[in-house]
Amino acid sequence: MRLFVARHGESVWNAENKICGRTDIPLNENGVKQAQRLAERLKDKKIDLIISSPLSRARATSEEIAKVCKVPIIIDERIIEQDYGIYNGGSNKAEGLLENKHHFAYRYPNGESMMQVACRAYGLIDEVKEKYSNLTVLLVCHGAVGRVINTYFNDMTNDEFYNFLLPNADFVEYSL
């Protein structure tokens, strides 16, 4: 089975280097164009099903892909972006935020830990393996979720994890 994982197109806050987290920030004009280009890049991958985060930036990206690939979309809360708590809406270079990225079991104040994100994302991947083993599935998610999903398939040092980034409107392919 093939699994593709894509990050949504650019949002206004992405362009401003702000943490979107669970705040439902839509795609900006560039993000819509990125989603359309991503759809074109994926059209020959024979995708059968899209599973999307419920946030509008991921849903809009999924809808662009679904139009081109002519496949259904399922919305799944388990791949919603990490809750960064007090850092939502702040700079993605905030010292406390960057320090917390090194501590996987540490819960962002009023938010969640990377381990909590991994628990829900890993559960979804396990379910996809079981329910859709004969399909090619695309997950459309977010930066932190994409980083965590990568650890399901690849062992990574803390520094590798810290530095891994799935750019907006890009994708990775994994085999299950």
Protein backbone atom coordinates (compact mmCIF):
# COMPACT_ATOMS: atom_id res chain seq x y z
CA MET A 1 0.00 0.00 0.00
CA ARG A 2 1.15 3.53 -0.78
CA LEU A 3 0.49 6.42 1.56
CA PHE A 4 1.04 10.03 0.58
CA VAL A 5 1.25 12.79 3.18
CA ALA A 6 0.83 16.38 2.04
CA ARG A 7 0.91 19.68 3.87
CA HIS A 8 -1.72 22.28 3.06
CA GLY A 9 -0.97 25.35 0.94
CA GLU A 10 0.20 28.61 2.46
CA SER A 11 -2.02 30.59 4.81
CA VAL A 12 -1.74 34.29 5.68
CA TRP A 13 -0.16 33.35 9.00
CA ASN A 14 2.33 31.00 7.32
CA ALA A 15 3.43 33.91 5.14
CA GLU A 16 3.78 36.07 8.27
CA ASN A 17 5.77 33.37 10.14
CA LYS A 18 3.04 33.03 12.75
CA ILE A 19 1.98 29.80 14.44
CA CYS A 20 -1.41 28.73 13.07
CA GLY A 21 -1.87 25.71 15.30
CA ARG A 22 -5.57 25.00 15.74
CA THR A 23 -6.60 28.52 14.69
CA ASP A 24 -8.63 28.07 11.52
CA ILE A 25 -6.70 30.32 9.14
CA PRO A 26 -7.66 29.86 5.46
CA LEU A 27 -5.33 29.62 2.50
CA ASN A 28 -4.12 32.90 1.07
CA GLU A 29 -4.07 33.53 -2.70
CA ASN A 30 -0.63 31.97 -3.02
CA GLY A 31 -1.82 28.97 -0.98
CA VAL A 32 -4.72 28.36 -3.38
CA LYS A 33 -2.29 28.40 -6.32
CA GLN A 34 0.05 26.07 -4.43
CA ALA A 35 -2.84 23.66 -3.78
CA GLN A 36 -3.71 23.68 -7.47
CA ARG A 37 -0.09 22.94 -8.44
CA LEU A 38 0.03 20.19 -5.80
CA ALA A 39 -3.10 18.65 -7.31
CA GLU A 40 -1.41 18.59 -10.72
CA ARG A 41 1.68 16.94 -9.23
CA LEU A 42 -0.48 14.25 -7.59
CA LYS A 43 -2.86 13.49 -10.46
CA ASP A 44 -0.72 10.67 -11.87
CA LYS A 45 -0.16 9.03 -8.47
CA LYS A 46 -3.43 7.06 -8.69
CA ILE A 47 -4.81 8.31 -5.38
CA ASP A 48 -8.04 6.57 -4.34
CA LEU A 49 -8.93 8.46 -1.17
CA ILE A 50 -8.05 11.69 0.61
CA ILE A 51 -8.18 11.97 4.39
CA SER A 52 -8.01 15.59 5.49
CA SER A 53 -7.63 17.61 8.65
CA PRO A 54 -10.84 19.51 9.43
CA LEU A 55 -9.11 22.92 9.37
CA SER A 56 -10.10 25.03 6.35
CA ARG A 57 -6.55 25.37 4.97
CA ALA A 58 -6.24 21.57 4.76
CA ARG A 59 -9.80 21.09 3.51
CA ALA A 60 -9.33 23.68 0.74
CA THR A 61 -6.09 21.98 -0.32
CA SER A 62 -7.86 18.60 -0.27
CA GLU A 63 -10.72 19.96 -2.37
CA GLU A 64 -8.33 21.19 -5.07
CA ILE A 65 -6.70 17.75 -5.18
CA ALA A 66 -10.05 15.93 -5.14
CA LYS A 67 -11.25 17.97 -8.16
CA VAL A 68 -8.23 16.96 -10.21
CA CYS A 69 -7.91 13.37 -8.97
CA LYS A 70 -11.69 12.81 -8.80
CA VAL A 71 -11.59 11.08 -5.42
CA PRO A 72 -13.60 11.40 -2.20
CA ILE A 73 -12.46 13.23 0.93
CA ILE A 74 -12.90 12.01 4.49
CA ILE A 75 -12.38 14.55 7.29
CA ASP A 76 -10.54 13.19 10.31
CA GLU A 77 -9.83 15.10 13.53
CA ARG A 78 -6.77 12.96 14.27
CA ILE A 79 -4.67 14.91 11.77
CA ILE A 80 -5.69 18.38 12.92
CA GLU A 81 -2.65 20.53 13.67
CA GLN A 82 -0.94 20.38 17.04
CA ASP A 83 -2.42 22.64 19.68
CA TYR A 84 0.39 25.05 20.50
CA GLY A 85 -1.59 26.60 23.34
CA ILE A 86 -0.24 30.00 24.33
CA TYR A 87 1.96 30.10 21.21
CA ASN A 88 -0.96 30.00 18.72
CA GLY A 89 -0.88 33.22 16.72
CA GLY A 90 2.62 34.11 17.88
CA SER A 91 5.94 34.03 16.05
CA ASN A 92 7.17 30.65 14.88
CA LYS A 93 10.60 31.76 16.13
CA ALA A 94 9.48 32.32 19.75
CA GLU A 95 12.18 31.00 22.09
CA GLY A 96 9.78 29.02 24.29
CA LEU A 97 8.13 27.42 21.28
CA LEU A 98 11.44 26.35 19.75
CA GLU A 99 12.71 25.01 23.08
CA ASN A 100 9.53 22.96 23.56
CA LYS A 101 10.05 21.36 20.14
CA HIS A 102 13.00 19.46 21.67
CA HIS A 103 10.86 17.99 24.47
CA PHE A 104 8.40 15.54 22.99
CA ALA A 105 6.57 14.74 26.21
CA TYR A 106 6.24 18.39 27.20
CA ARG A 107 2.78 19.81 26.72
CA TYR A 108 2.76 23.35 25.33
CA PRO A 109 1.08 25.54 27.99
CA ASN A 110 -2.69 25.21 27.35
CA GLY A 111 -1.87 22.94 24.39
CA GLU A 112 -0.64 19.44 23.66
CA SER A 113 2.64 17.55 23.43
CA MET A 114 4.22 15.94 20.38
CA MET A 115 3.56 12.58 22.03
CA GLN A 116 -0.17 13.36 22.06
CA VAL A 117 -0.01 14.28 18.37
CA ALA A 118 1.85 11.02 17.67
CA CYS A 119 -0.74 9.00 19.55
CA ARG A 120 -3.61 10.25 17.39
CA ALA A 121 -1.67 10.31 14.09
CA TYR A 122 -0.22 6.82 14.61
CA GLY A 123 -3.71 5.54 15.41
CA LEU A 124 -4.99 6.91 12.11
CA ILE A 125 -2.14 5.33 10.15
CA ASP A 126 -2.78 1.98 11.81
CA GLU A 127 -6.46 2.27 10.88
CA VAL A 128 -5.64 3.25 7.28
CA LYS A 129 -3.39 0.17 6.99
CA GLU A 130 -6.23 -2.03 8.18
CA LYS A 131 -9.20 -0.48 6.37
CA TYR A 132 -7.64 0.73 3.12
CA SER A 133 -4.79 -1.71 2.48
CA ASN A 134 -5.81 -2.06 -1.17
CA LEU A 135 -5.96 1.71 -1.82
CA THR A 136 -3.55 4.58 -2.32
CA VAL A 137 -4.39 7.13 0.36
CA LEU A 138 -3.41 10.77 0.69
CA LEU A 139 -3.38 12.47 4.09
CA VAL A 140 -3.61 16.27 3.92
CA CYS A 141 -2.41 17.73 7.17
CA HIS A 142 -0.09 20.29 8.76
CA GLY A 143 3.57 20.90 9.58
CA ALA A 144 3.76 19.34 13.03
CA VAL A 145 1.52 16.42 12.09
CA GLY A 146 3.64 15.76 8.98
CA ARG A 147 6.77 15.81 11.15
CA VAL A 148 5.23 13.27 13.54
CA ILE A 149 3.96 11.04 10.73
CA ASN A 150 7.49 10.90 9.35
CA THR A 151 8.60 9.31 12.64
CA TYR A 152 6.12 6.48 12.09
CA PHE A 153 8.19 5.44 9.05
CA ASN A 154 11.69 6.70 9.88
CA ASP A 155 13.80 6.61 13.02
CA MET A 156 15.06 10.10 13.71
CA THR A 157 17.36 11.70 16.22
CA ASN A 158 15.95 14.62 18.21
CA ASP A 159 17.84 17.04 15.96
CA GLU A 160 16.58 15.37 12.79
CA PHE A 161 13.04 15.56 14.14
CA TYR A 162 13.49 19.22 15.14
CA ASN A 163 14.77 20.13 11.67
CA PHE A 164 12.36 18.07 9.56
CA LEU A 165 9.89 20.24 7.69
CA LEU A 166 7.34 19.35 5.07
CA PRO A 167 6.97 22.62 3.14
CA ASN A 168 3.56 24.06 2.30
CA ALA A 169 1.90 22.21 -0.60
CA ASP A 170 4.54 19.51 -0.75
CA PHE A 171 4.20 15.77 -0.16
CA VAL A 172 6.08 12.65 0.88
CA GLU A 173 5.35 9.08 -0.19
CA TYR A 174 5.57 6.14 2.20
CA SER A 175 5.01 2.40 1.73
CA LEU A 176 2.94 0.42 4.19
